[in-house]
Every structure is written in C-alpha cells, then in structure tokens.
Amino acid sequence: WAFVLGEVRINYLTGELQARRQKSYLGINVMRAEDLPDTGVWYCVGTQVACELWKDQPGDQHWTDQWPTTNGGKPRWKAMMQRPAERLIALLEAHGITEHCCPICPSGHSLWANTLVGPVHYQNLPR
C-alpha cells in the first residue's frame, strides 16, 4: 500500500511487514527564498497536484490521458492548477514582486492566478 511519504507491504506467507520511505512531493512551507535549507538546490515549495499515470504504455493514448490534470480537458486542468497558481503569486509577492509580466502570453500583461490557468497557458502545455 502506498501513502504520501512511503509504502508498506506484507508477505502473506511469512507475515513479514516491510516499509520504505518515498520521495516527498509535499511542498516545504516557506514564503521566502532565504528560508530554504541550502543555496543552489531546487526545493518543492508547493505540493504537487498530479503525477504521471503511466509511462511508456503502448497504444494510441493521447498525451492528455497521461495526466490527471489534463485527462478531463481544460476545465479539469484549470480547477486542479488554481491552488498552485495562487501559491506562485503569493511567493512572488512575498519577495516584493507585485508587477510580474507573463512570459507566455503574447501581450505580456501582468501575471495573476487567473492568467496562469487561462486558455493561452493551457494551449502552451508541453506535449
């Protein structure tokens, strides 16, 4: 059985229980870069909302079926990405960055949580 920080299994023949820790995808609760443990290291500061459902599966699966965030189309992606988008804006603002241009949108307008989950960003998802 898998859970957030690890997994456990049982040998049904001997009754032996084994557990192992897995890499955490829970974000570190920090608001400023100087609160991170080390310099030069990337840390997860926002909890991952999805993981790839399968890799290298043969067949004609569409790429959007591979991710829980996209297998329901744009409405599901938008709903699942809203919280990470709000977290990104909060992190930028905690560093005094209140005017931030969107690097994806052609107009270069300000980047806000609603912009991050907008149609232009959905169309530019890596495939």
Foldseek 3Di string as FASTA:
>chain_A
DDDQFWDKDADPVPRDIDIDGDDHQDADCDQEPVPDDDPPDDGRHHRDQWDFQDPPDDDDDDPLCRIQLRPVHLVSVLVSCLVVQQSVQSSCVSVVNNAAFDPQDPVRHGRHSDNCSDDSVSVPDDD
